[in-house]
Amino acid sequence: MELRVIEKTDTELRIEIAGEDHTFMNVLKGALLEADEVAAATYDMNPEQSGGQTEPVLTVKSESGDPLDAVEAAATSITDRTAALRDAVSAA
């Protein structure tokens, strides 16, 4: 997975996440939207509507805090949840 920051301000982040598809992007977006400090999270991967880009671009707007920190926290949450699921399946 390769990340490229397209634009970053104190309250907004646009980042390209190369090599990912709707499956991962939907999970990441969902985890971001669960955070109280995130006002909005969305992604775009439609080349015709985005000037020819083919990799997904994630946009995060925060009400407070650094949006990059919110992405890191969401990724950690996803990792923790998948580990818990893996453990539950192994124990079954």
PDB file of N, CA and C in Angstrom:
ATOM      1  N   MET A   1       0.844  -1.169   0.000  1.00  0.00           N
ATOM      2  CA  MET A   1       0.000   0.000   0.000  1.00  0.00           C
ATOM      3  C   MET A   1       0.889   1.231   0.000  1.00  0.00           C
ATOM      4  N   GLU A   2       0.643   2.117  -0.948  1.00  0.00           N
ATOM      5  CA  GLU A   2       1.389   3.369  -1.028  1.00  0.00           C
ATOM      6  C   GLU A   2       0.441   4.520  -0.755  1.00  0.00           C
ATOM      7  N   LEU A   3       0.895   5.469   0.060  1.00  0.00           N
ATOM      8  CA  LEU A   3       0.097   6.638   0.402  1.00  0.00           C
ATOM      9  C   LEU A   3       0.761   7.881  -0.159  1.00  0.00           C
ATOM     10  N   ARG A   4      -0.083   8.783  -0.665  1.00  0.00           N
ATOM     11  CA  ARG A   4       0.436  10.064  -1.158  1.00  0.00           C
ATOM     12  C   ARG A   4      -0.526  11.157  -0.718  1.00  0.00           C
ATOM     13  N   VAL A   5      -0.022  12.079   0.096  1.00  0.00           N
ATOM     14  CA  VAL A   5      -0.843  13.191   0.545  1.00  0.00           C
ATOM     15  C   VAL A   5      -1.000  14.165  -0.622  1.00  0.00           C
ATOM     16  N   ILE A   6      -2.249  14.433  -0.966  1.00  0.00           N
ATOM     17  CA  ILE A   6      -2.550  15.360  -2.057  1.00  0.00           C
ATOM     18  C   ILE A   6      -2.709  16.771  -1.512  1.00  0.00           C
ATOM     19  N   GLU A   7      -3.431  16.868  -0.392  1.00  0.00           N
ATOM     20  CA  GLU A   7      -3.676  18.165   0.222  1.00  0.00           C
ATOM     21  C   GLU A   7      -3.903  17.954   1.714  1.00  0.00           C
ATOM     22  N   LYS A   8      -3.353  18.844   2.528  1.00  0.00           N
ATOM     23  CA  LYS A   8      -3.549  18.735   3.973  1.00  0.00           C
ATOM     24  C   LYS A   8      -3.619  20.129   4.578  1.00  0.00           C
ATOM     25  N   THR A   9      -4.675  20.337   5.373  1.00  0.00           N
ATOM     26  CA  THR A   9      -4.799  21.541   6.180  1.00  0.00           C
ATOM     27  C   THR A   9      -4.998  21.088   7.621  1.00  0.00           C
ATOM     28  N   ASP A  10      -5.281  22.033   8.498  1.00  0.00           N
ATOM     29  CA  ASP A  10      -5.501  21.676   9.904  1.00  0.00           C
ATOM     30  C   ASP A  10      -6.745  20.811  10.092  1.00  0.00           C
ATOM     31  N   THR A  11      -7.734  20.952   9.194  1.00  0.00           N
ATOM     32  CA  THR A  11      -8.994  20.230   9.379  1.00  0.00           C
ATOM     33  C   THR A  11      -9.387  19.344   8.209  1.00  0.00           C
ATOM     34  N   GLU A  12      -8.589  19.302   7.152  1.00  0.00           N
ATOM     35  CA  GLU A  12      -8.945  18.483   5.989  1.00  0.00           C
ATOM     36  C   GLU A  12      -7.721  17.785   5.423  1.00  0.00           C
ATOM     37  N   LEU A  13      -7.956  16.561   4.954  1.00  0.00           N
ATOM     38  CA  LEU A  13      -6.899  15.747   4.367  1.00  0.00           C
ATOM     39  C   LEU A  13      -7.434  15.067   3.117  1.00  0.00           C
ATOM     40  N   ARG A  14      -6.658  15.122   2.047  1.00  0.00           N
ATOM     41  CA  ARG A  14      -6.934  14.340   0.845  1.00  0.00           C
ATOM     42  C   ARG A  14      -5.695  13.498   0.596  1.00  0.00           C
ATOM     43  N   ILE A  15      -5.888  12.171   0.563  1.00  0.00           N
ATOM     44  CA  ILE A  15      -4.755  11.255   0.449  1.00  0.00           C
ATOM     45  C   ILE A  15      -5.089  10.142  -0.533  1.00  0.00           C
ATOM     46  N   GLU A  16      -4.149   9.855  -1.424  1.00  0.00           N
ATOM     47  CA  GLU A  16      -4.302   8.757  -2.379  1.00  0.00           C
ATOM     48  C   GLU A  16      -3.776   7.484  -1.730  1.00  0.00           C
ATOM     49  N   ILE A  17      -4.558   6.414  -1.841  1.00  0.00           N
ATOM     50  CA  ILE A  17      -4.177   5.132  -1.258  1.00  0.00           C
ATOM     51  C   ILE A  17      -4.074   4.125  -2.404  1.00  0.00           C
ATOM     52  N   ALA A  18      -2.873   3.951  -2.915  1.00  0.00           N
ATOM     53  CA  ALA A  18      -2.652   3.125  -4.097  1.00  0.00           C
ATOM     54  C   ALA A  18      -2.828   1.640  -3.796  1.00  0.00           C
ATOM     55  N   GLY A  19      -3.413   0.940  -4.740  1.00  0.00           N
ATOM     56  CA  GLY A  19      -3.527  -0.504  -4.650  1.00  0.00           C
ATOM     57  C   GLY A  19      -4.725  -1.012  -3.883  1.00  0.00           C
ATOM     58  N   GLU A  20      -5.603  -0.125  -3.439  1.00  0.00           N
ATOM     59  CA  GLU A  20      -6.770  -0.561  -2.676  1.00  0.00           C
ATOM     60  C   GLU A  20      -8.033  -0.455  -3.522  1.00  0.00           C
ATOM     61  N   ASP A  21      -9.073  -1.143  -3.073  1.00  0.00           N
ATOM     62  CA  ASP A  21     -10.337  -1.139  -3.809  1.00  0.00           C
ATOM     63  C   ASP A  21     -11.479  -0.754  -2.871  1.00  0.00           C
ATOM     64  N   HIS A  22     -12.704  -0.896  -3.362  1.00  0.00           N
ATOM     65  CA  HIS A  22     -13.870  -0.510  -2.566  1.00  0.00           C
ATOM     66  C   HIS A  22     -13.943  -1.264  -1.237  1.00  0.00           C
ATOM     67  N   THR A  23     -13.507  -2.507  -1.207  1.00  0.00           N
ATOM     68  CA  THR A  23     -13.609  -3.311   0.017  1.00  0.00           C
ATOM     69  C   THR A  23     -12.883  -2.632   1.168  1.00  0.00           C
ATOM     70  N   PHE A  24     -11.621  -2.317   0.976  1.00  0.00           N
ATOM     71  CA  PHE A  24     -10.846  -1.672   2.035  1.00  0.00           C
ATOM     72  C   PHE A  24     -11.311  -0.247   2.279  1.00  0.00           C
ATOM     73  N   MET A  25     -11.578   0.483   1.217  1.00  0.00           N
ATOM     74  CA  MET A  25     -11.941   1.894   1.367  1.00  0.00           C
ATOM     75  C   MET A  25     -13.246   2.058   2.139  1.00  0.00           C
ATOM     76  N   ASN A  26     -14.209   1.173   1.923  1.00  0.00           N
ATOM     77  CA  ASN A  26     -15.462   1.249   2.682  1.00  0.00           C
ATOM     78  C   ASN A  26     -15.241   0.974   4.163  1.00  0.00           C
ATOM     79  N   VAL A  27     -14.390   0.007   4.473  1.00  0.00           N
ATOM     80  CA  VAL A  27     -14.084  -0.299   5.875  1.00  0.00           C
ATOM     81  C   VAL A  27     -13.387   0.895   6.528  1.00  0.00           C
ATOM     82  N   LEU A  28     -12.417   1.480   5.838  1.00  0.00           N
ATOM     83  CA  LEU A  28     -11.698   2.633   6.376  1.00  0.00           C
ATOM     84  C   LEU A  28     -12.639   3.818   6.565  1.00  0.00           C
ATOM     85  N   LYS A  29     -13.456   4.085   5.580  1.00  0.00           N
ATOM     86  CA  LYS A  29     -14.419   5.189   5.689  1.00  0.00           C
ATOM     87  C   LYS A  29     -15.360   4.971   6.880  1.00  0.00           C
ATOM     88  N   GLY A  30     -15.848   3.747   7.045  1.00  0.00           N
ATOM     89  CA  GLY A  30     -16.736   3.444   8.163  1.00  0.00           C
ATOM     90  C   GLY A  30     -16.075   3.660   9.510  1.00  0.00           C
ATOM     91  N   ALA A  31     -14.832   3.224   9.632  1.00  0.00           N
ATOM     92  CA  ALA A  31     -14.096   3.417  10.892  1.00  0.00           C
ATOM     93  C   ALA A  31     -13.877   4.906  11.166  1.00  0.00           C
ATOM     94  N   LEU A  32     -13.609   5.671  10.132  1.00  0.00           N
ATOM     95  CA  LEU A  32     -13.426   7.113  10.312  1.00  0.00           C
ATOM     96  C   LEU A  32     -14.714   7.781  10.771  1.00  0.00           C
ATOM     97  N   LEU A  33     -15.830   7.385  10.195  1.00  0.00           N
ATOM     98  CA  LEU A  33     -17.112   8.009  10.532  1.00  0.00           C
ATOM     99  C   LEU A  33     -17.564   7.686  11.954  1.00  0.00           C
ATOM    100  N   GLU A  34     -16.994   6.662  12.565  1.00  0.00           N
ATOM    101  CA  GLU A  34     -17.314   6.334  13.956  1.00  0.00           C
ATOM    102  C   GLU A  34     -16.620   7.274  14.946  1.00  0.00           C
ATOM    103  N   ALA A  35     -15.600   7.980  14.497  1.00  0.00           N
ATOM    104  CA  ALA A  35     -14.835   8.873  15.384  1.00  0.00           C
ATOM    105  C   ALA A  35     -15.579  10.189  15.580  1.00  0.00           C
ATOM    106  N   ASP A  36     -15.674  10.624  16.826  1.00  0.00           N
ATOM    107  CA  ASP A  36     -16.382  11.866  17.148  1.00  0.00           C
ATOM    108  C   ASP A  36     -15.757  13.092  16.498  1.00  0.00           C
ATOM    109  N   GLU A  37     -14.441  13.088  16.343  1.00  0.00           N
ATOM    110  CA  GLU A  37     -13.770  14.267  15.806  1.00  0.00           C
ATOM    111  C   GLU A  37     -13.855  14.370  14.285  1.00  0.00           C
ATOM    112  N   VAL A  38     -14.345  13.342  13.615  1.00  0.00           N
ATOM    113  CA  VAL A  38     -14.448  13.358  12.155  1.00  0.00           C
ATOM    114  C   VAL A  38     -15.823  13.872  11.743  1.00  0.00           C
ATOM    115  N   ALA A  39     -15.819  14.962  10.983  1.00  0.00           N
ATOM    116  CA  ALA A  39     -17.069  15.553  10.497  1.00  0.00           C
ATOM    117  C   ALA A  39     -17.543  14.861   9.229  1.00  0.00           C
ATOM    118  N   ALA A  40     -16.603  14.435   8.383  1.00  0.00           N
ATOM    119  CA  ALA A  40     -16.957  13.771   7.127  1.00  0.00           C
ATOM    120  C   ALA A  40     -15.787  12.923   6.658  1.00  0.00           C
ATOM    121  N   ALA A  41     -16.110  11.819   6.015  1.00  0.00           N
ATOM    122  CA  ALA A  41     -15.101  10.948   5.404  1.00  0.00           C
ATOM    123  C   ALA A  41     -15.722  10.338   4.161  1.00  0.00           C
ATOM    124  N   THR A  42     -15.011  10.416   3.061  1.00  0.00           N
ATOM    125  CA  THR A  42     -15.499   9.850   1.812  1.00  0.00           C
ATOM    126  C   THR A  42     -14.297   9.484   0.951  1.00  0.00           C
ATOM    127  N   TYR A  43     -14.560   8.729  -0.093  1.00  0.00           N
ATOM    128  CA  TYR A  43     -13.483   8.424  -1.035  1.00  0.00           C
ATOM    129  C   TYR A  43     -14.040   8.429  -2.444  1.00  0.00           C
ATOM    130  N   ASP A  44     -13.142   8.603  -3.397  1.00  0.00           N
ATOM    131  CA  ASP A  44     -13.519   8.641  -4.809  1.00  0.00           C
ATOM    132  C   ASP A  44     -12.531   7.786  -5.584  1.00  0.00           C
ATOM    133  N   MET A  45     -13.053   6.960  -6.468  1.00  0.00           N
ATOM    134  CA  MET A  45     -12.163   6.199  -7.346  1.00  0.00           C
ATOM    135  C   MET A  45     -12.718   6.100  -8.760  1.00  0.00           C
ATOM    136  N   ASN A  46     -13.535   7.036  -9.140  1.00  0.00           N
ATOM    137  CA  ASN A  46     -14.107   7.061 -10.476  1.00  0.00           C
ATOM    138  C   ASN A  46     -13.282   7.983 -11.369  1.00  0.00           C
ATOM    139  N   PRO A  47     -12.510   7.415 -12.298  1.00  0.00           N
ATOM    140  CA  PRO A  47     -11.624   8.235 -13.123  1.00  0.00           C
ATOM    141  C   PRO A  47     -12.345   9.311 -13.929  1.00  0.00           C
ATOM    142  N   GLU A  48     -13.542   9.025 -14.422  1.00  0.00           N
ATOM    143  CA  GLU A  48     -14.242  10.006 -15.251  1.00  0.00           C
ATOM    144  C   GLU A  48     -14.648  11.230 -14.453  1.00  0.00           C
ATOM    145  N   GLN A  49     -14.910  11.066 -13.170  1.00  0.00           N
ATOM    146  CA  GLN A  49     -15.334  12.187 -12.348  1.00  0.00           C
ATOM    147  C   GLN A  49     -14.177  12.837 -11.612  1.00  0.00           C
ATOM    148  N   SER A  50     -12.996  12.274 -11.703  1.00  0.00           N
ATOM    149  CA  SER A  50     -11.879  12.819 -10.927  1.00  0.00           C
ATOM    150  C   SER A  50     -10.667  13.167 -11.776  1.00  0.00           C
ATOM    151  N   GLY A  51     -10.889  13.497 -13.004  1.00  0.00           N
ATOM    152  CA  GLY A  51      -9.782  13.950 -13.836  1.00  0.00           C
ATOM    153  C   GLY A  51      -8.815  12.861 -14.241  1.00  0.00           C
ATOM    154  N   GLY A  52      -9.266  11.606 -14.280  1.00  0.00           N
ATOM    155  CA  GLY A  52      -8.433  10.521 -14.765  1.00  0.00           C
ATOM    156  C   GLY A  52      -7.689   9.738 -13.707  1.00  0.00           C
ATOM    157  N   GLN A  53      -7.836  10.070 -12.441  1.00  0.00           N
ATOM    158  CA  GLN A  53      -7.157   9.323 -11.389  1.00  0.00           C
ATOM    159  C   GLN A  53      -7.779   7.944 -11.272  1.00  0.00           C
ATOM    160  N   THR A  54      -6.945   6.944 -11.051  1.00  0.00           N
ATOM    161  CA  THR A  54      -7.448   5.575 -10.970  1.00  0.00           C
ATOM    162  C   THR A  54      -7.306   4.978  -9.574  1.00  0.00           C
ATOM    163  N   GLU A  55      -6.491   5.556  -8.733  1.00  0.00           N
ATOM    164  CA  GLU A  55      -6.333   5.070  -7.369  1.00  0.00           C
ATOM    165  C   GLU A  55      -7.333   5.805  -6.472  1.00  0.00           C
ATOM    166  N   PRO A  56      -7.818   5.154  -5.410  1.00  0.00           N
ATOM    167  CA  PRO A  56      -8.781   5.831  -4.539  1.00  0.00           C
ATOM    168  C   PRO A  56      -8.164   7.020  -3.809  1.00  0.00           C
ATOM    169  N   VAL A  57      -8.964   8.066  -3.691  1.00  0.00           N
ATOM    170  CA  VAL A  57      -8.564   9.260  -2.952  1.00  0.00           C
ATOM    171  C   VAL A  57      -9.524   9.413  -1.778  1.00  0.00           C
ATOM    172  N   LEU A  58      -8.974   9.386  -0.568  1.00  0.00           N
ATOM    173  CA  LEU A  58      -9.739   9.517   0.660  1.00  0.00           C
ATOM    174  C   LEU A  58      -9.736  10.980   1.079  1.00  0.00           C
ATOM    175  N   THR A  59     -10.913  11.491   1.432  1.00  0.00           N
ATOM    176  CA  THR A  59     -11.035  12.851   1.953  1.00  0.00           C
ATOM    177  C   THR A  59     -11.600  12.772   3.366  1.00  0.00           C
ATOM    178  N   VAL A  60     -10.906  13.395   4.303  1.00  0.00           N
ATOM    179  CA  VAL A  60     -11.331  13.398   5.701  1.00  0.00           C
ATOM    180  C   VAL A  60     -11.394  14.848   6.171  1.00  0.00           C
ATOM    181  N   LYS A  61     -12.530  15.214   6.761  1.00  0.00           N
ATOM    182  CA  LYS A  61     -12.686  16.543   7.363  1.00  0.00           C
ATOM    183  C   LYS A  61     -12.922  16.343   8.849  1.00  0.00           C
ATOM    184  N   SER A  62     -12.140  17.051   9.655  1.00  0.00           N
ATOM    185  CA  SER A  62     -12.265  16.899  11.100  1.00  0.00           C
ATOM    186  C   SER A  62     -12.882  18.141  11.724  1.00  0.00           C
ATOM    187  N   GLU A  63     -13.626  17.923  12.792  1.00  0.00           N
ATOM    188  CA  GLU A  63     -14.166  19.040  13.571  1.00  0.00           C
ATOM    189  C   GLU A  63     -13.116  19.545  14.534  1.00  0.00           C
ATOM    190  N   SER A  64     -12.274  18.645  14.999  1.00  0.00           N
ATOM    191  CA  SER A  64     -11.180  19.007  15.898  1.00  0.00           C
ATOM    192  C   SER A  64     -10.072  17.983  15.714  1.00  0.00           C
ATOM    193  N   GLY A  65      -8.864  18.404  15.879  1.00  0.00           N
ATOM    194  CA  GLY A  65      -7.738  17.483  15.756  1.00  0.00           C
ATOM    195  C   GLY A  65      -7.250  17.338  14.331  1.00  0.00           C
ATOM    196  N   ASP A  66      -6.112  16.720  14.214  1.00  0.00           N
ATOM    197  CA  ASP A  66      -5.460  16.496  12.930  1.00  0.00           C
ATOM    198  C   ASP A  66      -6.151  15.345  12.195  1.00  0.00           C
ATOM    199  N   PRO A  67      -6.607  15.562  10.960  1.00  0.00           N
ATOM    200  CA  PRO A  67      -7.272  14.477  10.236  1.00  0.00           C
ATOM    201  C   PRO A  67      -6.352  13.281   9.961  1.00  0.00           C
ATOM    202  N   LEU A  68      -5.050  13.504   9.873  1.00  0.00           N
ATOM    203  CA  LEU A  68      -4.117  12.397   9.687  1.00  0.00           C
ATOM    204  C   LEU A  68      -4.088  11.502  10.921  1.00  0.00           C
ATOM    205  N   ASP A  69      -4.212  12.102  12.106  1.00  0.00           N
ATOM    206  CA  ASP A  69      -4.309  11.308  13.334  1.00  0.00           C
ATOM    207  C   ASP A  69      -5.581  10.464  13.335  1.00  0.00           C
ATOM    208  N   ALA A  70      -6.659  11.004  12.777  1.00  0.00           N
ATOM    209  CA  ALA A  70      -7.919  10.257  12.694  1.00  0.00           C
ATOM    210  C   ALA A  70      -7.769   9.043  11.776  1.00  0.00           C
ATOM    211  N   VAL A  71      -7.042   9.199  10.678  1.00  0.00           N
ATOM    212  CA  VAL A  71      -6.807   8.074   9.770  1.00  0.00           C
ATOM    213  C   VAL A  71      -5.974   7.006  10.481  1.00  0.00           C
ATOM    214  N   GLU A  72      -4.965   7.424  11.212  1.00  0.00           N
ATOM    215  CA  GLU A  72      -4.135   6.469  11.958  1.00  0.00           C
ATOM    216  C   GLU A  72      -4.969   5.719  13.004  1.00  0.00           C
ATOM    217  N   ALA A  73      -5.823   6.436  13.711  1.00  0.00           N
ATOM    218  CA  ALA A  73      -6.670   5.801  14.722  1.00  0.00           C
ATOM    219  C   ALA A  73      -7.655   4.827  14.074  1.00  0.00           C
ATOM    220  N   ALA A  74      -8.194   5.187  12.919  1.00  0.00           N
ATOM    221  CA  ALA A  74      -9.118   4.299  12.210  1.00  0.00           C
ATOM    222  C   ALA A  74      -8.400   3.032  11.751  1.00  0.00           C
ATOM    223  N   ALA A  75      -7.185   3.179  11.245  1.00  0.00           N
ATOM    224  CA  ALA A  75      -6.413   2.009  10.814  1.00  0.00           C
ATOM    225  C   ALA A  75      -6.113   1.092  11.990  1.00  0.00           C
ATOM    226  N   THR A  76      -5.787   1.673  13.145  1.00  0.00           N
ATOM    227  CA  THR A  76      -5.538   0.876  14.350  1.00  0.00           C
ATOM    228  C   THR A  76      -6.801   0.144  14.777  1.00  0.00           C
ATOM    229  N   SER A  77      -7.934   0.821  14.707  1.00  0.00           N
ATOM    230  CA  SER A  77      -9.214   0.205  15.051  1.00  0.00           C
ATOM    231  C   SER A  77      -9.522  -0.986  14.143  1.00  0.00           C
ATOM    232  N   ILE A  78      -9.265  -0.833  12.863  1.00  0.00           N
ATOM    233  CA  ILE A  78      -9.495  -1.923  11.906  1.00  0.00           C
ATOM    234  C   ILE A  78      -8.598  -3.108  12.239  1.00  0.00           C
ATOM    235  N   THR A  79      -7.334  -2.833  12.531  1.00  0.00           N
ATOM    236  CA  THR A  79      -6.387  -3.892  12.880  1.00  0.00           C
ATOM    237  C   THR A  79      -6.850  -4.640  14.125  1.00  0.00           C
ATOM    238  N   ASP A  80      -7.282  -3.894  15.134  1.00  0.00           N
ATOM    239  CA  ASP A  80      -7.753  -4.513  16.378  1.00  0.00           C
ATOM    240  C   ASP A  80      -8.985  -5.378  16.147  1.00  0.00           C
ATOM    241  N   ARG A  81      -9.902  -4.878  15.345  1.00  0.00           N
ATOM    242  CA  ARG A  81     -11.130  -5.637  15.072  1.00  0.00           C
ATOM    243  C   ARG A  81     -10.858  -6.916  14.285  1.00  0.00           C
ATOM    244  N   THR A  82      -9.969  -6.831  13.310  1.00  0.00           N
ATOM    245  CA  THR A  82      -9.678  -8.029  12.531  1.00  0.00           C
ATOM    246  C   THR A  82      -8.936  -9.069  13.378  1.00  0.00           C
ATOM    247  N   ALA A  83      -8.090  -8.603  14.285  1.00  0.00           N
ATOM    248  CA  ALA A  83      -7.388  -9.525  15.184  1.00  0.00           C
ATOM    249  C   ALA A  83      -8.394 -10.215  16.104  1.00  0.00           C
ATOM    250  N   ALA A  84      -9.366  -9.464  16.613  1.00  0.00           N
ATOM    251  CA  ALA A  84     -10.400 -10.046  17.479  1.00  0.00           C
ATOM    252  C   ALA A  84     -11.241 -11.067  16.717  1.00  0.00           C
ATOM    253  N   LEU A  85     -11.555 -10.756  15.470  1.00  0.00           N
ATOM    254  CA  LEU A  85     -12.326 -11.699  14.651  1.00  0.00           C
ATOM    255  C   LEU A  85     -11.515 -12.970  14.380  1.00  0.00           C
ATOM    256  N   ARG A  86     -10.241 -12.791  14.046  1.00  0.00           N
ATOM    257  CA  ARG A  86      -9.371 -13.937  13.794  1.00  0.00           C
ATOM    258  C   ARG A  86      -9.289 -14.835  15.034  1.00  0.00           C
ATOM    259  N   ASP A  87      -9.147 -14.225  16.219  1.00  0.00           N
ATOM    260  CA  ASP A  87      -9.086 -14.983  17.466  1.00  0.00           C
ATOM    261  C   ASP A  87     -10.393 -15.718  17.724  1.00  0.00           C
ATOM    262  N   ALA A  88     -11.517 -15.075  17.466  1.00  0.00           N
ATOM    263  CA  ALA A  88     -12.829 -15.695  17.694  1.00  0.00           C
ATOM    264  C   ALA A  88     -13.031 -16.871  16.752  1.00  0.00           C
ATOM    265  N   VAL A  89     -12.618 -16.733  15.509  1.00  0.00           N
ATOM    266  CA  VAL A  89     -12.754 -17.812  14.538  1.00  0.00           C
ATOM    267  C   VAL A  89     -11.843 -18.983  14.929  1.00  0.00           C
ATOM    268  N   SER A  90     -10.638 -18.676  15.365  1.00  0.00           N
ATOM    269  CA  SER A  90      -9.710 -19.731  15.778  1.00  0.00           C
ATOM    270  C   SER A  90     -10.226 -20.499  16.986  1.00  0.00           C
ATOM    271  N   ALA A  91     -10.925 -19.796  17.876  1.00  0.00           N
ATOM    272  CA  ALA A  91     -11.442 -20.418  19.078  1.00  0.00           C
ATOM    273  C   ALA A  91     -12.717 -21.224  18.846  1.00  0.00           C
ATOM    274  N   ALA A  92     -13.349 -20.991  17.721  1.00  0.00           N
ATOM    275  CA  ALA A  92     -14.635 -21.661  17.436  1.00  0.00           C
ATOM    276  C   ALA A  92     -14.451 -23.117  17.062  1.00  0.00           C
TER     277      ALA A  92
END
